[in-house]
Amino acid sequence: MTEILQINNLHTYFNTDTAVARAVEGASFNISKGETLALVGESGCGKTVTALSIMRLVPAITGEIVQGEIIFQGHNLLNLSEFEMRAMRGQKIGMVFQEPMSSLNPLFTIGYQIQEAILAHQRMSKQQAKSQVIELLNKVEMPEPGQRYSDYPHNLSGGLRQRAMIAQALAAHPELLIADEPTTALDVTIQAQILKLFSRLKQTKEMSILLITHDLGVVAEIADRVCIMYAGRIVEEAGVLPIFNQPRHPYTDGLLKSIAARNYSRQRLMVIPGVVPEPANKPGGCAFHPRCRRADLTCRREMPEHLETESGHKVSCWHPL
């Protein structure tokens, strides 16, 4: 399959008053055309910073992409000017942000905000843009789209705001959609509707999707391939079935064993001890070693390479399962 996005050795750091926070440190992965790749890990693992790095939206005051390549359709996004990157956002790469209530401007109607995204990339009248907005709202299954066009964000429920965000991200027909925790804080019924919507949009528009989540149930529902992220690095990468059926990294195994739905024996759920290390205070060697039951002296001293153990299955671990 044709690769639409390649991330090579990405490093994104933030400068604090006392130290440098290495939020993303050597992440590498790729996404093929028409593929849904899930980027999975606990909060603080660097997933959202990776997405913001792709969009070149890392806050310039404190943050910086210090190393690596972000190749989109053969072009390194890090070499583009801000003007060129502004044209890329929305038109080629769309993003659904994590919090729709804080991402949508409360001072403007839903229709106006989506319309602005269309007019920024396409030449048409405002009336034509309005018709396109209503059509988009209909495609994301917004009830009564003509009426919702004039609603403000506070008039909508969480699920409807999320649909409005998706419509805005799709306004310029992007080829890659980045969805950052698109079902967080939504109830189970609305989650299912949003996931079905993503699957349908992927099929009809032949889009690639980068799905950022910590919910492995969501991953099982719609992803083709999975990258497990920990402390700013990809520690395991494989198709959905190998990840769920034969995880090789202890961190992946811990995540899967902590899911209640997979605990068929009704035993006590497994808990991964400790917490994700602070980006400014990571341990030496493998960053997971303080929480890993298999860690030894080598794990504490040396960073493991990201190696292919089976076809299409890569893992960064000195002692894979």
C-alpha atoms as a PDB file:
ATOM      1  CA  MET A   1       0.000   0.000   0.000  1.00  0.00           C
ATOM      2  CA  THR A   2       1.095   3.587  -0.698  1.00  0.00           C
ATOM      3  CA  GLU A   3       2.338   5.400   2.383  1.00  0.00           C
ATOM      4  CA  ILE A   4       0.704   8.791   2.878  1.00  0.00           C
ATOM      5  CA  LEU A   5       2.562   9.767   6.070  1.00  0.00           C
ATOM      6  CA  GLN A   6       5.968   8.827   7.465  1.00  0.00           C
ATOM      7  CA  ILE A   7       7.227   9.945  10.869  1.00  0.00           C
ATOM      8  CA  ASN A   8      10.975   9.411  11.206  1.00  0.00           C
ATOM      9  CA  ASN A   9      12.799   9.810  14.545  1.00  0.00           C
ATOM     10  CA  LEU A  10      10.586  12.672  15.748  1.00  0.00           C
ATOM     11  CA  HIS A  11      11.776  14.638  18.781  1.00  0.00           C
ATOM     12  CA  THR A  12       9.552  17.380  20.230  1.00  0.00           C
ATOM     13  CA  TYR A  13      10.757  19.137  23.392  1.00  0.00           C
ATOM     14  CA  PHE A  14       9.372  21.814  25.694  1.00  0.00           C
ATOM     15  CA  ASN A  15      11.526  24.235  27.660  1.00  0.00           C
ATOM     16  CA  THR A  16      10.511  24.766  31.276  1.00  0.00           C
ATOM     17  CA  ASP A  17      12.039  27.009  33.938  1.00  0.00           C
ATOM     18  CA  THR A  18      14.042  24.138  35.381  1.00  0.00           C
ATOM     19  CA  ALA A  19      14.499  21.491  32.662  1.00  0.00           C
ATOM     20  CA  VAL A  20      13.757  20.322  29.120  1.00  0.00           C
ATOM     21  CA  ALA A  21      10.631  18.178  28.839  1.00  0.00           C
ATOM     22  CA  ARG A  22      11.206  15.540  26.135  1.00  0.00           C
ATOM     23  CA  ALA A  23       7.548  14.921  25.258  1.00  0.00           C
ATOM     24  CA  VAL A  24       8.264  12.984  22.043  1.00  0.00           C
ATOM     25  CA  GLU A  25      11.641  11.311  21.800  1.00  0.00           C
ATOM     26  CA  GLY A  26      12.447   9.296  18.698  1.00  0.00           C
ATOM     27  CA  ALA A  27       8.944   8.304  17.562  1.00  0.00           C
ATOM     28  CA  SER A  28       8.739   6.649  14.124  1.00  0.00           C
ATOM     29  CA  PHE A  29       5.737   5.181  12.294  1.00  0.00           C
ATOM     30  CA  ASN A  30       3.876   5.390   8.996  1.00  0.00           C
ATOM     31  CA  ILE A  31       0.301   5.431   7.718  1.00  0.00           C
ATOM     32  CA  SER A  32      -0.799   3.988   4.378  1.00  0.00           C
ATOM     33  CA  LYS A  33      -3.493   5.414   2.133  1.00  0.00           C
ATOM     34  CA  GLY A  34      -6.939   4.335   3.331  1.00  0.00           C
ATOM     35  CA  GLU A  35      -5.574   2.915   6.593  1.00  0.00           C
ATOM     36  CA  THR A  36      -6.674   3.619  10.167  1.00  0.00           C
ATOM     37  CA  LEU A  37      -3.699   3.648  12.527  1.00  0.00           C
ATOM     38  CA  ALA A  38      -4.348   3.829  16.271  1.00  0.00           C
ATOM     39  CA  LEU A  39      -1.775   5.553  18.468  1.00  0.00           C
ATOM     40  CA  VAL A  40      -2.353   4.132  21.950  1.00  0.00           C
ATOM     41  CA  GLY A  41      -0.984   4.816  25.414  1.00  0.00           C
ATOM     42  CA  GLU A  42      -1.717   6.294  28.814  1.00  0.00           C
ATOM     43  CA  SER A  43      -2.116  10.035  29.329  1.00  0.00           C
ATOM     44  CA  GLY A  44       1.279  11.715  29.231  1.00  0.00           C
ATOM     45  CA  CYS A  45       2.847   9.309  26.734  1.00  0.00           C
ATOM     46  CA  GLY A  46       3.192  11.964  23.995  1.00  0.00           C
ATOM     47  CA  LYS A  47       0.267  11.057  21.720  1.00  0.00           C
ATOM     48  CA  THR A  48      -1.296  14.520  21.461  1.00  0.00           C
ATOM     49  CA  VAL A  49       2.103  16.228  21.112  1.00  0.00           C
ATOM     50  CA  THR A  50       2.826  13.878  18.203  1.00  0.00           C
ATOM     51  CA  ALA A  51      -0.421  14.992  16.514  1.00  0.00           C
ATOM     52  CA  LEU A  52       0.328  18.675  17.137  1.00  0.00           C
ATOM     53  CA  SER A  53       3.819  18.135  15.710  1.00  0.00           C
ATOM     54  CA  ILE A  54       2.326  16.708  12.500  1.00  0.00           C
ATOM     55  CA  MET A  55       0.051  19.752  12.222  1.00  0.00           C
ATOM     56  CA  ARG A  56       2.958  22.091  13.150  1.00  0.00           C
ATOM     57  CA  LEU A  57       0.850  23.473  16.003  1.00  0.00           C
ATOM     58  CA  VAL A  58       3.374  22.990  18.821  1.00  0.00           C
ATOM     59  CA  PRO A  59       3.390  26.287  20.822  1.00  0.00           C
ATOM     60  CA  ALA A  60       6.460  28.158  19.603  1.00  0.00           C
ATOM     61  CA  ILE A  61       6.980  30.001  22.907  1.00  0.00           C
ATOM     62  CA  THR A  62       7.940  26.868  24.836  1.00  0.00           C
ATOM     63  CA  GLY A  63       7.908  23.980  22.344  1.00  0.00           C
ATOM     64  CA  GLU A  64      10.146  22.969  19.466  1.00  0.00           C
ATOM     65  CA  ILE A  65      10.498  20.089  17.024  1.00  0.00           C
ATOM     66  CA  VAL A  66      14.234  19.599  17.446  1.00  0.00           C
ATOM     67  CA  GLN A  67      14.832  16.578  15.219  1.00  0.00           C
ATOM     68  CA  GLY A  68      13.187  14.205  12.766  1.00  0.00           C
ATOM     69  CA  GLU A  69      11.089  14.177   9.611  1.00  0.00           C
ATOM     70  CA  ILE A  70       7.353  14.371   8.962  1.00  0.00           C
ATOM     71  CA  ILE A  71       6.908  13.235   5.369  1.00  0.00           C
ATOM     72  CA  PHE A  72       3.416  13.755   3.966  1.00  0.00           C
ATOM     73  CA  GLN A  73       2.893  12.661   0.358  1.00  0.00           C
ATOM     74  CA  GLY A  74       6.619  12.930  -0.276  1.00  0.00           C
ATOM     75  CA  HIS A  75       7.083  16.390   1.282  1.00  0.00           C
ATOM     76  CA  ASN A  76       8.760  17.078   4.626  1.00  0.00           C
ATOM     77  CA  LEU A  77       6.284  19.281   6.497  1.00  0.00           C
ATOM     78  CA  LEU A  78       9.082  20.641   8.663  1.00  0.00           C
ATOM     79  CA  ASN A  79      10.599  22.320   5.588  1.00  0.00           C
ATOM     80  CA  LEU A  80       7.408  24.181   4.629  1.00  0.00           C
ATOM     81  CA  SER A  81       6.900  27.870   5.376  1.00  0.00           C
ATOM     82  CA  GLU A  82       4.068  28.842   7.724  1.00  0.00           C
ATOM     83  CA  PHE A  83       2.086  30.087   4.703  1.00  0.00           C
ATOM     84  CA  GLU A  84       2.516  26.726   2.937  1.00  0.00           C
ATOM     85  CA  MET A  85       1.666  24.832   6.127  1.00  0.00           C
ATOM     86  CA  ARG A  86      -1.492  26.894   6.634  1.00  0.00           C
ATOM     87  CA  ALA A  87      -2.657  25.759   3.209  1.00  0.00           C
ATOM     88  CA  MET A  88      -1.854  22.152   4.147  1.00  0.00           C
ATOM     89  CA  ARG A  89      -3.951  22.248   7.331  1.00  0.00           C
ATOM     90  CA  GLY A  90      -7.561  21.467   6.605  1.00  0.00           C
ATOM     91  CA  GLN A  91      -7.079  20.985   2.874  1.00  0.00           C
ATOM     92  CA  LYS A  92      -4.759  17.989   3.101  1.00  0.00           C
ATOM     93  CA  ILE A  93      -4.722  17.142   6.823  1.00  0.00           C
ATOM     94  CA  GLY A  94      -7.741  17.664   9.077  1.00  0.00           C
ATOM     95  CA  MET A  95      -7.825  17.329  12.844  1.00  0.00           C
ATOM     96  CA  VAL A  96     -10.562  16.621  15.360  1.00  0.00           C
ATOM     97  CA  PHE A  97      -9.310  18.071  18.628  1.00  0.00           C
ATOM     98  CA  GLN A  98      -9.730  16.434  22.012  1.00  0.00           C
ATOM     99  CA  GLU A  99     -12.199  18.840  23.647  1.00  0.00           C
ATOM    100  CA  PRO A 100     -14.938  20.059  21.278  1.00  0.00           C
ATOM    101  CA  MET A 101     -16.294  22.581  23.784  1.00  0.00           C
ATOM    102  CA  SER A 102     -12.927  24.317  24.145  1.00  0.00           C
ATOM    103  CA  SER A 103     -11.984  23.906  20.467  1.00  0.00           C
ATOM    104  CA  LEU A 104     -15.155  25.509  19.097  1.00  0.00           C
ATOM    105  CA  ASN A 105     -15.435  29.298  19.467  1.00  0.00           C
ATOM    106  CA  PRO A 106     -18.405  30.049  21.766  1.00  0.00           C
ATOM    107  CA  LEU A 107     -18.939  33.449  20.100  1.00  0.00           C
ATOM    108  CA  PHE A 108     -19.786  32.080  16.647  1.00  0.00           C
ATOM    109  CA  THR A 109     -22.388  29.678  15.357  1.00  0.00           C
ATOM    110  CA  ILE A 110     -21.496  26.154  14.300  1.00  0.00           C
ATOM    111  CA  GLY A 111     -22.357  26.961  10.691  1.00  0.00           C
ATOM    112  CA  TYR A 112     -20.153  30.057  10.597  1.00  0.00           C
ATOM    113  CA  GLN A 113     -17.121  28.194  11.943  1.00  0.00           C
ATOM    114  CA  ILE A 114     -17.409  25.333   9.451  1.00  0.00           C
ATOM    115  CA  GLN A 115     -18.116  27.800   6.639  1.00  0.00           C
ATOM    116  CA  GLU A 116     -14.913  29.700   7.431  1.00  0.00           C
ATOM    117  CA  ALA A 117     -12.944  26.455   7.065  1.00  0.00           C
ATOM    118  CA  ILE A 118     -14.468  25.933   3.604  1.00  0.00           C
ATOM    119  CA  LEU A 119     -13.906  29.519   2.393  1.00  0.00           C
ATOM    120  CA  ALA A 120     -10.274  29.420   3.551  1.00  0.00           C
ATOM    121  CA  HIS A 121      -9.492  26.757   0.941  1.00  0.00           C
ATOM    122  CA  GLN A 122     -12.151  27.020  -1.776  1.00  0.00           C
ATOM    123  CA  ARG A 123     -13.412  29.837  -3.987  1.00  0.00           C
ATOM    124  CA  MET A 124     -17.205  30.071  -3.709  1.00  0.00           C
ATOM    125  CA  SER A 125     -19.943  32.397  -2.531  1.00  0.00           C
ATOM    126  CA  LYS A 126     -21.119  32.414   1.082  1.00  0.00           C
ATOM    127  CA  GLN A 127     -24.433  30.955  -0.006  1.00  0.00           C
ATOM    128  CA  GLN A 128     -22.676  28.063  -1.752  1.00  0.00           C
ATOM    129  CA  ALA A 129     -20.526  27.560   1.334  1.00  0.00           C
ATOM    130  CA  LYS A 130     -23.619  27.494   3.546  1.00  0.00           C
ATOM    131  CA  SER A 131     -25.166  24.789   1.359  1.00  0.00           C
ATOM    132  CA  GLN A 132     -21.944  22.795   1.629  1.00  0.00           C
ATOM    133  CA  VAL A 133     -21.926  23.195   5.437  1.00  0.00           C
ATOM    134  CA  ILE A 134     -25.469  21.846   5.699  1.00  0.00           C
ATOM    135  CA  GLU A 135     -24.500  18.951   3.436  1.00  0.00           C
ATOM    136  CA  LEU A 136     -21.478  18.230   5.669  1.00  0.00           C
ATOM    137  CA  LEU A 137     -23.614  18.326   8.810  1.00  0.00           C
ATOM    138  CA  ASN A 138     -25.959  15.883   7.140  1.00  0.00           C
ATOM    139  CA  LYS A 139     -23.043  13.560   6.268  1.00  0.00           C
ATOM    140  CA  VAL A 140     -21.907  13.465   9.910  1.00  0.00           C
ATOM    141  CA  GLU A 141     -25.508  12.607  10.805  1.00  0.00           C
ATOM    142  CA  MET A 142     -26.284  15.837  12.618  1.00  0.00           C
ATOM    143  CA  PRO A 143     -30.065  15.910  13.252  1.00  0.00           C
ATOM    144  CA  GLU A 144     -31.847  18.858  11.612  1.00  0.00           C
ATOM    145  CA  PRO A 145     -28.665  20.230   9.980  1.00  0.00           C
ATOM    146  CA  GLY A 146     -30.382  23.342   8.646  1.00  0.00           C
ATOM    147  CA  GLN A 147     -31.375  24.358  12.152  1.00  0.00           C
ATOM    148  CA  ARG A 148     -28.042  23.366  13.731  1.00  0.00           C
ATOM    149  CA  TYR A 149     -26.257  25.666  11.285  1.00  0.00           C
ATOM    150  CA  SER A 150     -27.432  28.642  13.373  1.00  0.00           C
ATOM    151  CA  ASP A 151     -26.787  27.062  16.790  1.00  0.00           C
ATOM    152  CA  TYR A 152     -23.942  28.076  19.089  1.00  0.00           C
ATOM    153  CA  PRO A 153     -21.691  25.386  20.655  1.00  0.00           C
ATOM    154  CA  HIS A 154     -23.413  25.690  24.046  1.00  0.00           C
ATOM    155  CA  ASN A 155     -26.732  24.781  22.401  1.00  0.00           C
ATOM    156  CA  LEU A 156     -25.402  21.326  21.471  1.00  0.00           C
ATOM    157  CA  SER A 157     -24.797  18.167  23.478  1.00  0.00           C
ATOM    158  CA  GLY A 158     -21.303  16.642  23.688  1.00  0.00           C
ATOM    159  CA  GLY A 159     -22.059  14.189  20.895  1.00  0.00           C
ATOM    160  CA  LEU A 160     -23.409  16.884  18.577  1.00  0.00           C
ATOM    161  CA  ARG A 161     -20.426  19.150  19.262  1.00  0.00           C
ATOM    162  CA  GLN A 162     -18.164  16.250  18.361  1.00  0.00           C
ATOM    163  CA  ARG A 163     -20.049  15.810  15.065  1.00  0.00           C
ATOM    164  CA  ALA A 164     -19.643  19.537  14.389  1.00  0.00           C
ATOM    165  CA  MET A 165     -15.886  19.202  14.979  1.00  0.00           C
ATOM    166  CA  ILE A 166     -15.716  16.270  12.572  1.00  0.00           C
ATOM    167  CA  ALA A 167     -17.654  18.258   9.948  1.00  0.00           C
ATOM    168  CA  GLN A 168     -15.218  21.154  10.373  1.00  0.00           C
ATOM    169  CA  ALA A 169     -12.228  18.816   9.995  1.00  0.00           C
ATOM    170  CA  LEU A 170     -13.757  17.362   6.807  1.00  0.00           C
ATOM    171  CA  ALA A 171     -14.712  20.734   5.330  1.00  0.00           C
ATOM    172  CA  ALA A 172     -11.855  20.884   2.815  1.00  0.00           C
ATOM    173  CA  HIS A 173     -11.899  17.126   2.041  1.00  0.00           C
ATOM    174  CA  PRO A 174      -8.556  16.191   3.672  1.00  0.00           C
ATOM    175  CA  GLU A 175      -6.713  13.012   2.741  1.00  0.00           C
ATOM    176  CA  LEU A 176      -5.554  12.402   6.328  1.00  0.00           C
ATOM    177  CA  LEU A 177      -7.776  12.876   9.369  1.00  0.00           C
ATOM    178  CA  ILE A 178      -6.196  13.072  12.828  1.00  0.00           C
ATOM    179  CA  ALA A 179      -8.731  12.276  15.570  1.00  0.00           C
ATOM    180  CA  ASP A 180      -7.467  13.031  19.088  1.00  0.00           C
ATOM    181  CA  GLU A 181      -9.536  11.097  21.664  1.00  0.00           C
ATOM    182  CA  PRO A 182     -12.724  11.566  19.603  1.00  0.00           C
ATOM    183  CA  THR A 183     -14.939   9.561  21.976  1.00  0.00           C
ATOM    184  CA  THR A 184     -13.614  10.719  25.356  1.00  0.00           C
ATOM    185  CA  ALA A 185     -16.353  11.925  27.754  1.00  0.00           C
ATOM    186  CA  LEU A 186     -19.101  10.610  25.482  1.00  0.00           C
ATOM    187  CA  ASP A 187     -21.546   7.977  26.690  1.00  0.00           C
ATOM    188  CA  VAL A 188     -21.354   4.465  25.254  1.00  0.00           C
ATOM    189  CA  THR A 189     -24.230   4.930  22.796  1.00  0.00           C
ATOM    190  CA  ILE A 190     -22.777   8.137  21.331  1.00  0.00           C
ATOM    191  CA  GLN A 191     -19.304   6.543  21.210  1.00  0.00           C
ATOM    192  CA  ALA A 192     -20.672   3.736  19.061  1.00  0.00           C
ATOM    193  CA  GLN A 193     -22.332   6.236  16.715  1.00  0.00           C
ATOM    194  CA  ILE A 194     -19.123   8.275  16.328  1.00  0.00           C
ATOM    195  CA  LEU A 195     -17.063   5.141  15.602  1.00  0.00           C
ATOM    196  CA  LYS A 196     -19.549   3.962  12.971  1.00  0.00           C
ATOM    197  CA  LEU A 197     -19.391   7.443  11.469  1.00  0.00           C
ATOM    198  CA  PHE A 198     -15.589   7.269  11.183  1.00  0.00           C
ATOM    199  CA  SER A 199     -15.774   3.853   9.534  1.00  0.00           C
ATOM    200  CA  ARG A 200     -18.357   5.084   7.053  1.00  0.00           C
ATOM    201  CA  LEU A 201     -16.410   8.255   6.219  1.00  0.00           C
ATOM    202  CA  LYS A 202     -13.235   6.263   5.700  1.00  0.00           C
ATOM    203  CA  GLN A 203     -14.959   3.973   3.202  1.00  0.00           C
ATOM    204  CA  THR A 204     -16.802   6.705   1.278  1.00  0.00           C
ATOM    205  CA  LYS A 205     -13.957   9.259   1.205  1.00  0.00           C
ATOM    206  CA  GLU A 206     -10.990   6.802   1.124  1.00  0.00           C
ATOM    207  CA  MET A 207      -9.301   8.782   3.890  1.00  0.00           C
ATOM    208  CA  SER A 208      -6.425   7.725   6.091  1.00  0.00           C
ATOM    209  CA  ILE A 209      -7.063   8.151   9.814  1.00  0.00           C
ATOM    210  CA  LEU A 210      -4.666   8.613  12.719  1.00  0.00           C
ATOM    211  CA  LEU A 211      -6.733   7.725  15.778  1.00  0.00           C
ATOM    212  CA  ILE A 212      -5.260   8.831  19.096  1.00  0.00           C
ATOM    213  CA  THR A 213      -6.773   7.067  22.086  1.00  0.00           C
ATOM    214  CA  HIS A 214      -6.170   5.222  25.347  1.00  0.00           C
ATOM    215  CA  ASP A 215      -9.322   3.144  24.834  1.00  0.00           C
ATOM    216  CA  LEU A 216      -8.412  -0.287  23.453  1.00  0.00           C
ATOM    217  CA  GLY A 217     -12.101  -1.034  22.890  1.00  0.00           C
ATOM    218  CA  VAL A 218     -12.176   1.794  20.350  1.00  0.00           C
ATOM    219  CA  VAL A 219      -9.022   0.400  18.738  1.00  0.00           C
ATOM    220  CA  ALA A 220     -10.583  -3.045  18.305  1.00  0.00           C
ATOM    221  CA  GLU A 221     -13.625  -1.434  16.703  1.00  0.00           C
ATOM    222  CA  ILE A 222     -12.111   0.536  13.829  1.00  0.00           C
ATOM    223  CA  ALA A 223      -8.280   0.351  13.621  1.00  0.00           C
ATOM    224  CA  ASP A 224      -6.286  -1.607  11.037  1.00  0.00           C
ATOM    225  CA  ARG A 225      -2.930  -1.264  12.766  1.00  0.00           C
ATOM    226  CA  VAL A 226      -1.743  -0.154  16.214  1.00  0.00           C
ATOM    227  CA  CYS A 227       1.268   1.717  17.583  1.00  0.00           C
ATOM    228  CA  ILE A 228       1.721   1.522  21.349  1.00  0.00           C
ATOM    229  CA  MET A 229       3.413   4.660  22.702  1.00  0.00           C
ATOM    230  CA  TYR A 230       5.209   5.038  26.008  1.00  0.00           C
ATOM    231  CA  ALA A 231       7.255   8.005  27.267  1.00  0.00           C
ATOM    232  CA  GLY A 232       7.448   9.556  23.800  1.00  0.00           C
ATOM    233  CA  ARG A 233       8.530   6.410  21.930  1.00  0.00           C
ATOM    234  CA  ILE A 234       6.781   3.687  19.944  1.00  0.00           C
ATOM    235  CA  VAL A 235       7.364   0.500  21.941  1.00  0.00           C
ATOM    236  CA  GLU A 236       5.249  -1.914  19.868  1.00  0.00           C
ATOM    237  CA  GLU A 237       3.706  -1.841  16.408  1.00  0.00           C
ATOM    238  CA  ALA A 238       1.533  -4.448  14.679  1.00  0.00           C
ATOM    239  CA  GLY A 239      -1.844  -5.202  13.166  1.00  0.00           C
ATOM    240  CA  VAL A 240      -4.873  -5.204  15.461  1.00  0.00           C
ATOM    241  CA  LEU A 241      -5.155  -8.991  15.770  1.00  0.00           C
ATOM    242  CA  PRO A 242      -1.466  -9.608  16.654  1.00  0.00           C
ATOM    243  CA  ILE A 243      -1.574  -6.820  19.247  1.00  0.00           C
ATOM    244  CA  PHE A 244      -4.655  -8.268  20.928  1.00  0.00           C
ATOM    245  CA  ASN A 245      -3.798 -11.954  20.519  1.00  0.00           C
ATOM    246  CA  GLN A 246      -0.027 -11.951  20.994  1.00  0.00           C
ATOM    247  CA  PRO A 247       1.344  -8.732  22.541  1.00  0.00           C
ATOM    248  CA  ARG A 248       5.142  -8.764  22.777  1.00  0.00           C
ATOM    249  CA  HIS A 249       5.873  -5.741  24.978  1.00  0.00           C
ATOM    250  CA  PRO A 250       5.131  -5.987  28.737  1.00  0.00           C
ATOM    251  CA  TYR A 251       3.468  -2.550  28.594  1.00  0.00           C
ATOM    252  CA  THR A 252       1.058  -3.660  25.867  1.00  0.00           C
ATOM    253  CA  ASP A 253       0.337  -6.831  27.800  1.00  0.00           C
ATOM    254  CA  GLY A 254      -0.405  -4.784  30.918  1.00  0.00           C
ATOM    255  CA  LEU A 255      -2.784  -2.491  29.051  1.00  0.00           C
ATOM    256  CA  LEU A 256      -4.714  -5.446  27.633  1.00  0.00           C
ATOM    257  CA  LYS A 257      -4.929  -7.257  30.966  1.00  0.00           C
ATOM    258  CA  SER A 258      -6.351  -4.150  32.624  1.00  0.00           C
ATOM    259  CA  ILE A 259      -9.454  -4.227  30.398  1.00  0.00           C
ATOM    260  CA  ALA A 260     -12.479  -5.533  32.299  1.00  0.00           C
ATOM    261  CA  ALA A 261     -14.102  -6.917  29.136  1.00  0.00           C
ATOM    262  CA  ARG A 262     -11.109  -9.242  28.566  1.00  0.00           C
ATOM    263  CA  ASN A 263     -11.062 -10.500  32.157  1.00  0.00           C
ATOM    264  CA  TYR A 264     -13.192 -13.570  31.431  1.00  0.00           C
ATOM    265  CA  SER A 265     -12.089 -15.483  34.561  1.00  0.00           C
ATOM    266  CA  ARG A 266     -13.448 -12.727  36.842  1.00  0.00           C
ATOM    267  CA  GLN A 267     -10.105 -12.475  38.593  1.00  0.00           C
ATOM    268  CA  ARG A 268      -8.750  -9.224  39.982  1.00  0.00           C
ATOM    269  CA  LEU A 269      -7.754  -6.882  37.154  1.00  0.00           C
ATOM    270  CA  MET A 270      -4.049  -6.432  36.540  1.00  0.00           C
ATOM    271  CA  VAL A 271      -2.642  -3.031  37.470  1.00  0.00           C
ATOM    272  CA  ILE A 272       0.568  -1.653  35.965  1.00  0.00           C
ATOM    273  CA  PRO A 273       2.493  -0.344  38.998  1.00  0.00           C
ATOM    274  CA  GLY A 274       3.705   3.254  39.044  1.00  0.00           C
ATOM    275  CA  VAL A 275       2.942   6.052  36.601  1.00  0.00           C
ATOM    276  CA  VAL A 276       4.212   7.368  33.258  1.00  0.00           C
ATOM    277  CA  PRO A 277       7.468   9.268  33.918  1.00  0.00           C
ATOM    278  CA  GLU A 278       7.526  13.044  33.638  1.00  0.00           C
ATOM    279  CA  PRO A 279       8.931  14.135  30.241  1.00  0.00           C
ATOM    280  CA  ALA A 280      11.552  16.201  32.068  1.00  0.00           C
ATOM    281  CA  ASN A 281      12.601  13.352  34.341  1.00  0.00           C
ATOM    282  CA  LYS A 282      12.757  10.107  32.380  1.00  0.00           C
ATOM    283  CA  PRO A 283      14.768   7.146  33.686  1.00  0.00           C
ATOM    284  CA  GLY A 284      17.794   5.839  31.818  1.00  0.00           C
ATOM    285  CA  GLY A 285      17.652   2.832  29.524  1.00  0.00           C
ATOM    286  CA  CYS A 286      14.152   1.594  28.716  1.00  0.00           C
ATOM    287  CA  ALA A 287      11.740   4.165  30.148  1.00  0.00           C
ATOM    288  CA  PHE A 288       9.305   1.408  31.169  1.00  0.00           C
ATOM    289  CA  HIS A 289      11.811  -0.467  33.357  1.00  0.00           C
ATOM    290  CA  PRO A 290      10.695   1.034  36.726  1.00  0.00           C
ATOM    291  CA  ARG A 291       7.197  -0.432  36.120  1.00  0.00           C
ATOM    292  CA  CYS A 292       8.221  -3.684  34.431  1.00  0.00           C
ATOM    293  CA  ARG A 293       8.328  -7.049  36.210  1.00  0.00           C
ATOM    294  CA  ARG A 294      10.816  -8.400  33.629  1.00  0.00           C
ATOM    295  CA  ALA A 295      13.364  -5.573  33.914  1.00  0.00           C
ATOM    296  CA  ASP A 296      17.012  -6.311  34.632  1.00  0.00           C
ATOM    297  CA  LEU A 297      20.296  -4.372  34.634  1.00  0.00           C
ATOM    298  CA  THR A 298      20.402  -4.159  30.828  1.00  0.00           C
ATOM    299  CA  CYS A 299      16.921  -2.580  30.773  1.00  0.00           C
ATOM    300  CA  ARG A 300      18.055   0.037  33.278  1.00  0.00           C
ATOM    301  CA  ARG A 301      21.190   0.941  31.335  1.00  0.00           C
ATOM    302  CA  GLU A 302      20.447   0.603  27.617  1.00  0.00           C
ATOM    303  CA  MET A 303      17.615   1.639  25.307  1.00  0.00           C
ATOM    304  CA  PRO A 304      16.344  -1.360  23.269  1.00  0.00           C
ATOM    305  CA  GLU A 305      16.180  -1.130  19.492  1.00  0.00           C
ATOM    306  CA  HIS A 306      12.860  -1.185  17.655  1.00  0.00           C
ATOM    307  CA  LEU A 307      13.112  -4.575  15.927  1.00  0.00           C
ATOM    308  CA  GLU A 308      10.771  -6.674  13.790  1.00  0.00           C
ATOM    309  CA  THR A 309      10.069  -9.975  15.582  1.00  0.00           C
ATOM    310  CA  GLU A 310       7.555 -11.274  13.037  1.00  0.00           C
ATOM    311  CA  SER A 311       6.378  -9.892   9.702  1.00  0.00           C
ATOM    312  CA  GLY A 312       4.844  -6.490  10.409  1.00  0.00           C
ATOM    313  CA  HIS A 313       5.272  -6.843  14.184  1.00  0.00           C
ATOM    314  CA  LYS A 314       7.912  -4.606  15.791  1.00  0.00           C
ATOM    315  CA  VAL A 315       8.812  -4.261  19.459  1.00  0.00           C
ATOM    316  CA  SER A 316      11.291  -2.267  21.560  1.00  0.00           C
ATOM    317  CA  CYS A 317      12.129  -4.578  24.464  1.00  0.00           C
ATOM    318  CA  TRP A 318      15.138  -6.511  25.754  1.00  0.00           C
ATOM    319  CA  HIS A 319      12.860  -9.294  27.002  1.00  0.00           C
ATOM    320  CA  PRO A 320       9.767  -9.483  24.729  1.00  0.00           C
ATOM    321  CA  LEU A 321       6.957 -11.840  25.651  1.00  0.00           C
END
